[in-house]
């Protein structure tokens, strides 16, 4: 929860997070790559590889929610075109932060990709029930005002047999690796991120949001409770990130 926002006020939390991401948008990509030592590219590649069967399906309806500046949505679009040359439905990228979407639009235009971008809250998508076959979320799930409401919305949106792929930060279980990660994540990353972005506490929020995020088994249970029939986990980079694959 952003600093100064009382728990139990989802509307205010959403507004604060949206404004915070709007402030960091100009240097968001630079900081993602710098602070992760480029490992964020590998994490997105892993997600794309896991959902490739859906990208290969003719007519599959795909949305990347909380898409930010569009790196994952564009990676999905690129892989889909590679797997299915010719006419295929465009990947939808959605985010509730307009400055992020502007940057995503610029990337899509420069790459010559037809990704469709729309401004919407992932917890309240203006789409019909069972209207998607694949939903992806890269490091945006923990920013939702209510994890349960978000999970239930994703279950509503997915058709039978559909897949939800969530890539999210976690805390390594290894004492040695976890200790080194905690030092970096608690002390180094917030200082560098806040200084380079010039946004005040945005990267302190990153640390706090990861610390407060549920453990992987709790996320699995939440997704099952929301209506997903099967949920599997992939720990990445020693547990720094986790890929959740949930099926309807």
C-alpha atoms as a PDB file:
ATOM      1  CA  UNK A   1       0.000   0.000   0.000  1.00  0.00           C
ATOM      2  CA  UNK A   2       1.482   3.417  -0.914  1.00  0.00           C
ATOM      3  CA  UNK A   3       2.601   5.580   1.997  1.00  0.00           C
ATOM      4  CA  UNK A   4      -0.193   7.610   3.577  1.00  0.00           C
ATOM      5  CA  UNK A   5      -3.005   5.408   2.283  1.00  0.00           C
ATOM      6  CA  UNK A   6      -5.137   3.712   4.891  1.00  0.00           C
ATOM      7  CA  UNK A   7      -5.802  -0.023   4.478  1.00  0.00           C
ATOM      8  CA  UNK A   8      -9.361  -0.704   3.363  1.00  0.00           C
ATOM      9  CA  UNK A   9      -9.528   2.270   0.968  1.00  0.00           C
ATOM     10  CA  UNK A  10      -9.134   0.581  -2.450  1.00  0.00           C
ATOM     11  CA  UNK A  11     -10.199   3.606  -4.511  1.00  0.00           C
ATOM     12  CA  UNK A  12      -7.594   5.837  -2.887  1.00  0.00           C
ATOM     13  CA  UNK A  13      -4.962   3.095  -3.139  1.00  0.00           C
ATOM     14  CA  UNK A  14      -5.647   2.721  -6.872  1.00  0.00           C
ATOM     15  CA  UNK A  15      -5.395   6.482  -7.396  1.00  0.00           C
ATOM     16  CA  UNK A  16      -2.099   6.686  -5.509  1.00  0.00           C
ATOM     17  CA  UNK A  17      -0.553   3.770  -7.399  1.00  0.00           C
ATOM     18  CA  UNK A  18      -1.721   5.163 -10.750  1.00  0.00           C
ATOM     19  CA  UNK A  19      -0.200   8.583 -10.021  1.00  0.00           C
ATOM     20  CA  UNK A  20       3.025   7.023  -8.755  1.00  0.00           C
ATOM     21  CA  UNK A  21       3.501   4.981 -11.939  1.00  0.00           C
ATOM     22  CA  UNK A  22       2.697   8.046 -13.999  1.00  0.00           C
ATOM     23  CA  UNK A  23       5.622   9.850 -12.339  1.00  0.00           C
ATOM     24  CA  UNK A  24       8.123   7.047 -12.971  1.00  0.00           C
ATOM     25  CA  UNK A  25       6.971   6.258 -16.546  1.00  0.00           C
ATOM     26  CA  UNK A  26       9.768   8.246 -18.310  1.00  0.00           C
ATOM     27  CA  UNK A  27      12.510   6.122 -16.695  1.00  0.00           C
ATOM     28  CA  UNK A  28      10.545   2.970 -15.936  1.00  0.00           C
ATOM     29  CA  UNK A  29      12.183   0.762 -18.586  1.00  0.00           C
ATOM     30  CA  UNK A  30      15.686   1.988 -17.810  1.00  0.00           C
ATOM     31  CA  UNK A  31      15.235   1.216 -14.127  1.00  0.00           C
ATOM     32  CA  UNK A  32      13.639  -2.187 -14.746  1.00  0.00           C
ATOM     33  CA  UNK A  33      16.636  -3.311 -16.788  1.00  0.00           C
ATOM     34  CA  UNK A  34      19.239  -1.613 -14.603  1.00  0.00           C
ATOM     35  CA  UNK A  35      17.965  -2.689 -11.197  1.00  0.00           C
ATOM     36  CA  UNK A  36      17.337  -6.282 -12.291  1.00  0.00           C
ATOM     37  CA  UNK A  37      20.664  -6.521 -14.185  1.00  0.00           C
ATOM     38  CA  UNK A  38      18.590  -7.302 -17.318  1.00  0.00           C
ATOM     39  CA  UNK A  39      17.114 -10.444 -15.707  1.00  0.00           C
ATOM     40  CA  UNK A  40      13.611  -9.027 -16.216  1.00  0.00           C
ATOM     41  CA  UNK A  41      14.017  -9.843 -19.920  1.00  0.00           C
ATOM     42  CA  UNK A  42      14.642 -13.492 -19.066  1.00  0.00           C
ATOM     43  CA  UNK A  43      11.589 -13.624 -16.770  1.00  0.00           C
ATOM     44  CA  UNK A  44       9.317 -12.353 -19.528  1.00  0.00           C
ATOM     45  CA  UNK A  45      10.846 -14.841 -21.968  1.00  0.00           C
ATOM     46  CA  UNK A  46      10.025 -17.666 -19.553  1.00  0.00           C
ATOM     47  CA  UNK A  47       6.407 -16.566 -19.343  1.00  0.00           C
ATOM     48  CA  UNK A  48       6.104 -16.337 -23.142  1.00  0.00           C
ATOM     49  CA  UNK A  49       7.629 -19.796 -23.492  1.00  0.00           C
ATOM     50  CA  UNK A  50       5.181 -21.314 -20.998  1.00  0.00           C
ATOM     51  CA  UNK A  51       2.108 -19.895 -22.753  1.00  0.00           C
ATOM     52  CA  UNK A  52       3.306 -20.645 -26.302  1.00  0.00           C
ATOM     53  CA  UNK A  53       0.563 -23.266 -26.895  1.00  0.00           C
ATOM     54  CA  UNK A  54      -2.022 -20.482 -26.538  1.00  0.00           C
ATOM     55  CA  UNK A  55      -0.051 -18.197 -28.855  1.00  0.00           C
ATOM     56  CA  UNK A  56      -0.088 -20.933 -31.481  1.00  0.00           C
ATOM     57  CA  UNK A  57      -3.862 -21.373 -31.386  1.00  0.00           C
ATOM     58  CA  UNK A  58      -5.686 -19.787 -34.322  1.00  0.00           C
ATOM     59  CA  UNK A  59      -8.129 -17.192 -33.057  1.00  0.00           C
ATOM     60  CA  UNK A  60      -7.024 -17.285 -29.412  1.00  0.00           C
ATOM     61  CA  UNK A  61      -8.049 -14.125 -27.546  1.00  0.00           C
ATOM     62  CA  UNK A  62      -5.134 -12.756 -25.511  1.00  0.00           C
ATOM     63  CA  UNK A  63      -4.813  -9.826 -23.080  1.00  0.00           C
ATOM     64  CA  UNK A  64      -1.843  -8.549 -21.099  1.00  0.00           C
ATOM     65  CA  UNK A  65      -3.296  -6.683 -18.123  1.00  0.00           C
ATOM     66  CA  UNK A  66      -1.378  -4.129 -16.015  1.00  0.00           C
ATOM     67  CA  UNK A  67       0.768  -3.929 -19.149  1.00  0.00           C
ATOM     68  CA  UNK A  68       2.781  -0.863 -18.125  1.00  0.00           C
ATOM     69  CA  UNK A  69       5.056   0.250 -20.947  1.00  0.00           C
ATOM     70  CA  UNK A  70       4.162  -2.827 -22.967  1.00  0.00           C
ATOM     71  CA  UNK A  71       7.248  -5.060 -22.897  1.00  0.00           C
ATOM     72  CA  UNK A  72       5.309  -8.257 -22.167  1.00  0.00           C
ATOM     73  CA  UNK A  73       2.384  -7.426 -24.476  1.00  0.00           C
ATOM     74  CA  UNK A  74       4.814  -6.764 -27.331  1.00  0.00           C
ATOM     75  CA  UNK A  75       6.761  -9.954 -26.601  1.00  0.00           C
ATOM     76  CA  UNK A  76       3.507 -11.913 -26.788  1.00  0.00           C
ATOM     77  CA  UNK A  77       2.546 -10.174 -30.042  1.00  0.00           C
ATOM     78  CA  UNK A  78       5.957 -10.848 -31.560  1.00  0.00           C
ATOM     79  CA  UNK A  79       5.900 -14.535 -30.586  1.00  0.00           C
ATOM     80  CA  UNK A  80       2.341 -14.934 -31.821  1.00  0.00           C
ATOM     81  CA  UNK A  81       3.249 -13.550 -35.233  1.00  0.00           C
ATOM     82  CA  UNK A  82       6.264 -15.861 -35.373  1.00  0.00           C
ATOM     83  CA  UNK A  83       4.160 -18.891 -34.423  1.00  0.00           C
ATOM     84  CA  UNK A  84       1.134 -17.955 -36.560  1.00  0.00           C
ATOM     85  CA  UNK A  85       2.243 -16.015 -39.648  1.00  0.00           C
ATOM     86  CA  UNK A  86      -0.550 -14.175 -41.411  1.00  0.00           C
ATOM     87  CA  UNK A  87      -3.749 -12.760 -39.993  1.00  0.00           C
ATOM     88  CA  UNK A  88      -4.100 -13.291 -36.239  1.00  0.00           C
ATOM     89  CA  UNK A  89      -6.104 -11.360 -33.619  1.00  0.00           C
ATOM     90  CA  UNK A  90      -3.998  -8.637 -32.021  1.00  0.00           C
ATOM     91  CA  UNK A  91      -2.890  -8.970 -28.406  1.00  0.00           C
ATOM     92  CA  UNK A  92      -4.700  -6.518 -26.122  1.00  0.00           C
ATOM     93  CA  UNK A  93      -2.567  -4.548 -23.676  1.00  0.00           C
ATOM     94  CA  UNK A  94      -4.391  -2.774 -20.852  1.00  0.00           C
ATOM     95  CA  UNK A  95      -3.272  -0.519 -18.013  1.00  0.00           C
ATOM     96  CA  UNK A  96      -4.894   2.160 -15.853  1.00  0.00           C
ATOM     97  CA  UNK A  97      -1.919   4.553 -16.123  1.00  0.00           C
ATOM     98  CA  UNK A  98      -2.065   6.695 -19.265  1.00  0.00           C
ATOM     99  CA  UNK A  99       1.611   7.818 -19.270  1.00  0.00           C
ATOM    100  CA  UNK A 100       2.641   4.143 -19.256  1.00  0.00           C
ATOM    101  CA  UNK A 101       0.298   3.403 -22.167  1.00  0.00           C
ATOM    102  CA  UNK A 102       1.722   6.293 -24.179  1.00  0.00           C
ATOM    103  CA  UNK A 103       5.158   4.739 -23.930  1.00  0.00           C
ATOM    104  CA  UNK A 104       3.749   1.327 -24.835  1.00  0.00           C
ATOM    105  CA  UNK A 105       2.100   2.836 -27.910  1.00  0.00           C
ATOM    106  CA  UNK A 106       5.394   4.344 -29.018  1.00  0.00           C
ATOM    107  CA  UNK A 107       7.158   0.991 -28.682  1.00  0.00           C
ATOM    108  CA  UNK A 108       4.428  -0.823 -30.644  1.00  0.00           C
ATOM    109  CA  UNK A 109       4.592   1.776 -33.414  1.00  0.00           C
ATOM    110  CA  UNK A 110       8.388   1.571 -33.687  1.00  0.00           C
ATOM    111  CA  UNK A 111       8.255  -2.255 -33.735  1.00  0.00           C
ATOM    112  CA  UNK A 112       5.547  -2.290 -36.397  1.00  0.00           C
ATOM    113  CA  UNK A 113       3.276  -4.391 -34.176  1.00  0.00           C
ATOM    114  CA  UNK A 114      -0.491  -4.095 -34.118  1.00  0.00           C
ATOM    115  CA  UNK A 115      -0.921  -4.517 -30.371  1.00  0.00           C
ATOM    116  CA  UNK A 116      -4.187  -2.910 -29.231  1.00  0.00           C
ATOM    117  CA  UNK A 117      -3.832  -0.731 -26.132  1.00  0.00           C
ATOM    118  CA  UNK A 118      -6.621   0.416 -23.847  1.00  0.00           C
ATOM    119  CA  UNK A 119      -6.874   2.279 -20.548  1.00  0.00           C
ATOM    120  CA  UNK A 120      -8.741   0.207 -17.959  1.00  0.00           C
ATOM    121  CA  UNK A 121      -8.521  -1.082 -14.390  1.00  0.00           C
ATOM    122  CA  UNK A 122      -7.579  -4.779 -14.386  1.00  0.00           C
ATOM    123  CA  UNK A 123     -10.020  -5.422 -11.544  1.00  0.00           C
ATOM    124  CA  UNK A 124     -12.963  -4.062 -13.560  1.00  0.00           C
ATOM    125  CA  UNK A 125     -12.386  -4.828 -17.216  1.00  0.00           C
ATOM    126  CA  UNK A 126     -15.115  -3.667 -19.648  1.00  0.00           C
ATOM    127  CA  UNK A 127     -15.318  -7.091 -21.283  1.00  0.00           C
ATOM    128  CA  UNK A 128     -17.879  -9.888 -21.384  1.00  0.00           C
ATOM    129  CA  UNK A 129     -17.655 -13.113 -19.400  1.00  0.00           C
ATOM    130  CA  UNK A 130     -15.457 -15.839 -20.952  1.00  0.00           C
ATOM    131  CA  UNK A 131     -14.129 -13.393 -23.571  1.00  0.00           C
ATOM    132  CA  UNK A 132     -10.430 -14.335 -23.292  1.00  0.00           C
ATOM    133  CA  UNK A 133      -8.336 -17.481 -23.691  1.00  0.00           C
ATOM    134  CA  UNK A 134      -5.098 -16.163 -22.163  1.00  0.00           C
ATOM    135  CA  UNK A 135      -4.480 -13.440 -19.590  1.00  0.00           C
ATOM    136  CA  UNK A 136      -0.953 -12.418 -18.628  1.00  0.00           C
ATOM    137  CA  UNK A 137       0.209 -10.028 -15.912  1.00  0.00           C
ATOM    138  CA  UNK A 138       3.858  -9.102 -15.487  1.00  0.00           C
ATOM    139  CA  UNK A 139       4.659  -7.655 -12.055  1.00  0.00           C
ATOM    140  CA  UNK A 140       1.308  -5.930 -11.743  1.00  0.00           C
ATOM    141  CA  UNK A 141      -0.780  -8.294  -9.662  1.00  0.00           C
ATOM    142  CA  UNK A 142       0.652  -7.106  -6.343  1.00  0.00           C
ATOM    143  CA  UNK A 143      -0.344  -3.510  -7.249  1.00  0.00           C
ATOM    144  CA  UNK A 144      -4.055  -4.341  -7.312  1.00  0.00           C
ATOM    145  CA  UNK A 145      -6.114  -2.823  -4.516  1.00  0.00           C
ATOM    146  CA  UNK A 146      -7.654  -6.269  -3.854  1.00  0.00           C
ATOM    147  CA  UNK A 147      -5.922  -9.481  -4.910  1.00  0.00           C
ATOM    148  CA  UNK A 148      -9.118 -11.473  -4.428  1.00  0.00           C
ATOM    149  CA  UNK A 149     -11.226  -9.122  -6.548  1.00  0.00           C
ATOM    150  CA  UNK A 150      -8.592  -9.191  -9.261  1.00  0.00           C
ATOM    151  CA  UNK A 151      -8.372 -12.990  -9.267  1.00  0.00           C
ATOM    152  CA  UNK A 152     -12.162 -13.293  -9.449  1.00  0.00           C
ATOM    153  CA  UNK A 153     -12.249 -10.832 -12.354  1.00  0.00           C
ATOM    154  CA  UNK A 154      -9.639 -12.839 -14.251  1.00  0.00           C
ATOM    155  CA  UNK A 155     -11.621 -16.031 -13.658  1.00  0.00           C
ATOM    156  CA  UNK A 156     -14.721 -14.270 -15.030  1.00  0.00           C
ATOM    157  CA  UNK A 157     -12.908 -13.127 -18.153  1.00  0.00           C
ATOM    158  CA  UNK A 158     -11.389 -16.495 -19.070  1.00  0.00           C
ATOM    159  CA  UNK A 159     -13.209 -19.075 -21.159  1.00  0.00           C
ATOM    160  CA  UNK A 160     -13.161 -22.735 -20.186  1.00  0.00           C
ATOM    161  CA  UNK A 161      -9.665 -24.109 -20.771  1.00  0.00           C
ATOM    162  CA  UNK A 162      -8.177 -20.618 -20.570  1.00  0.00           C
ATOM    163  CA  UNK A 163      -4.941 -19.751 -18.791  1.00  0.00           C
ATOM    164  CA  UNK A 164      -3.893 -16.980 -16.410  1.00  0.00           C
ATOM    165  CA  UNK A 165      -0.110 -16.398 -16.286  1.00  0.00           C
ATOM    166  CA  UNK A 166       1.106 -14.113 -13.491  1.00  0.00           C
ATOM    167  CA  UNK A 167       4.756 -13.139 -13.168  1.00  0.00           C
ATOM    168  CA  UNK A 168       5.401 -11.599  -9.775  1.00  0.00           C
ATOM    169  CA  UNK A 169       8.191 -10.873  -7.311  1.00  0.00           C
ATOM    170  CA  UNK A 170       8.667 -13.097  -4.290  1.00  0.00           C
ATOM    171  CA  UNK A 171      11.152 -13.600  -1.450  1.00  0.00           C
ATOM    172  CA  UNK A 172      13.820 -16.317  -1.847  1.00  0.00           C
ATOM    173  CA  UNK A 173      13.531 -19.180   0.633  1.00  0.00           C
ATOM    174  CA  UNK A 174      17.283 -19.858   0.752  1.00  0.00           C
ATOM    175  CA  UNK A 175      18.898 -18.289   3.810  1.00  0.00           C
ATOM    176  CA  UNK A 176      22.092 -17.317   1.977  1.00  0.00           C
ATOM    177  CA  UNK A 177      20.506 -16.119  -1.281  1.00  0.00           C
ATOM    178  CA  UNK A 178      17.551 -14.654   0.572  1.00  0.00           C
ATOM    179  CA  UNK A 179      19.846 -12.680   2.874  1.00  0.00           C
ATOM    180  CA  UNK A 180      21.789 -11.181  -0.027  1.00  0.00           C
ATOM    181  CA  UNK A 181      18.565 -10.401  -1.867  1.00  0.00           C
ATOM    182  CA  UNK A 182      17.055  -8.717   1.196  1.00  0.00           C
ATOM    183  CA  UNK A 183      20.071  -6.447   1.635  1.00  0.00           C
ATOM    184  CA  UNK A 184      19.892  -5.375  -2.003  1.00  0.00           C
ATOM    185  CA  UNK A 185      16.125  -5.072  -2.071  1.00  0.00           C
ATOM    186  CA  UNK A 186      15.804  -3.235   1.226  1.00  0.00           C
ATOM    187  CA  UNK A 187      18.770  -0.861   1.061  1.00  0.00           C
ATOM    188  CA  UNK A 188      20.275  -0.601  -2.429  1.00  0.00           C
ATOM    189  CA  UNK A 189      17.348  -0.818  -4.853  1.00  0.00           C
ATOM    190  CA  UNK A 190      15.110   1.826  -3.193  1.00  0.00           C
ATOM    191  CA  UNK A 191      17.937   4.351  -2.986  1.00  0.00           C
ATOM    192  CA  UNK A 192      19.023   3.861  -6.583  1.00  0.00           C
ATOM    193  CA  UNK A 193      15.479   3.716  -7.915  1.00  0.00           C
ATOM    194  CA  UNK A 194      14.254   6.779  -6.044  1.00  0.00           C
ATOM    195  CA  UNK A 195      17.348   8.782  -7.016  1.00  0.00           C
ATOM    196  CA  UNK A 196      17.261   7.912 -10.722  1.00  0.00           C
ATOM    197  CA  UNK A 197      13.494   8.150 -11.141  1.00  0.00           C
ATOM    198  CA  UNK A 198      13.246  11.376  -9.142  1.00  0.00           C
ATOM    199  CA  UNK A 199       9.867  10.184  -7.906  1.00  0.00           C
ATOM    200  CA  UNK A 200      10.389  10.227  -4.165  1.00  0.00           C
ATOM    201  CA  UNK A 201       9.159   6.975  -2.685  1.00  0.00           C
ATOM    202  CA  UNK A 202       8.185   4.905  -5.730  1.00  0.00           C
ATOM    203  CA  UNK A 203      10.959   2.370  -5.273  1.00  0.00           C
ATOM    204  CA  UNK A 204      10.479   2.272  -1.529  1.00  0.00           C
ATOM    205  CA  UNK A 205       6.911   1.258  -2.403  1.00  0.00           C
ATOM    206  CA  UNK A 206       8.322  -1.504  -4.617  1.00  0.00           C
ATOM    207  CA  UNK A 207      10.176  -2.972  -1.652  1.00  0.00           C
ATOM    208  CA  UNK A 208       7.188  -2.644   0.681  1.00  0.00           C
ATOM    209  CA  UNK A 209       4.738  -4.128  -1.834  1.00  0.00           C
ATOM    210  CA  UNK A 210       6.921  -7.223  -2.289  1.00  0.00           C
ATOM    211  CA  UNK A 211       7.397  -7.673   1.465  1.00  0.00           C
ATOM    212  CA  UNK A 212       3.629  -7.428   1.985  1.00  0.00           C
ATOM    213  CA  UNK A 213       2.728  -9.723  -0.916  1.00  0.00           C
ATOM    214  CA  UNK A 214       1.430 -13.187   0.050  1.00  0.00           C
ATOM    215  CA  UNK A 215       3.699 -16.243  -0.058  1.00  0.00           C
ATOM    216  CA  UNK A 216       3.472 -18.356  -3.260  1.00  0.00           C
ATOM    217  CA  UNK A 217       1.342 -21.058  -1.612  1.00  0.00           C
ATOM    218  CA  UNK A 218      -1.062 -18.374  -0.389  1.00  0.00           C
ATOM    219  CA  UNK A 219      -1.331 -16.954  -3.898  1.00  0.00           C
ATOM    220  CA  UNK A 220      -2.037 -20.453  -5.204  1.00  0.00           C
ATOM    221  CA  UNK A 221      -4.818 -20.905  -2.627  1.00  0.00           C
ATOM    222  CA  UNK A 222      -6.278 -17.496  -3.501  1.00  0.00           C
ATOM    223  CA  UNK A 223      -6.444 -18.415  -7.191  1.00  0.00           C
ATOM    224  CA  UNK A 224      -8.084 -21.755  -6.445  1.00  0.00           C
ATOM    225  CA  UNK A 225     -10.665 -20.006  -4.258  1.00  0.00           C
ATOM    226  CA  UNK A 226     -11.336 -17.557  -7.110  1.00  0.00           C
ATOM    227  CA  UNK A 227     -12.374 -20.408  -9.396  1.00  0.00           C
ATOM    228  CA  UNK A 228      -9.237 -21.739 -11.060  1.00  0.00           C
ATOM    229  CA  UNK A 229      -9.168 -25.516 -11.390  1.00  0.00           C
ATOM    230  CA  UNK A 230      -5.403 -26.020 -11.430  1.00  0.00           C
ATOM    231  CA  UNK A 231      -2.521 -23.757 -10.390  1.00  0.00           C
ATOM    232  CA  UNK A 232       1.179 -24.479 -10.849  1.00  0.00           C
ATOM    233  CA  UNK A 233       4.229 -22.468  -9.759  1.00  0.00           C
ATOM    234  CA  UNK A 234       7.634 -21.874 -11.333  1.00  0.00           C
ATOM    235  CA  UNK A 235      10.260 -20.278  -9.061  1.00  0.00           C
ATOM    236  CA  UNK A 236      12.696 -18.169 -11.096  1.00  0.00           C
ATOM    237  CA  UNK A 237      16.194 -16.934 -10.211  1.00  0.00           C
ATOM    238  CA  UNK A 238      16.244 -18.683  -6.865  1.00  0.00           C
ATOM    239  CA  UNK A 239      12.745 -17.490  -5.968  1.00  0.00           C
ATOM    240  CA  UNK A 240      13.220 -13.767  -6.665  1.00  0.00           C
ATOM    241  CA  UNK A 241      10.272 -14.103  -9.041  1.00  0.00           C
ATOM    242  CA  UNK A 242       7.505 -16.685  -9.379  1.00  0.00           C
ATOM    243  CA  UNK A 243       5.490 -17.584 -12.464  1.00  0.00           C
ATOM    244  CA  UNK A 244       1.947 -18.673 -11.580  1.00  0.00           C
ATOM    245  CA  UNK A 245      -0.005 -20.624 -14.218  1.00  0.00           C
ATOM    246  CA  UNK A 246      -3.701 -20.986 -13.399  1.00  0.00           C
ATOM    247  CA  UNK A 247      -6.207 -22.771 -15.630  1.00  0.00           C
ATOM    248  CA  UNK A 248      -9.998 -22.533 -15.966  1.00  0.00           C
END
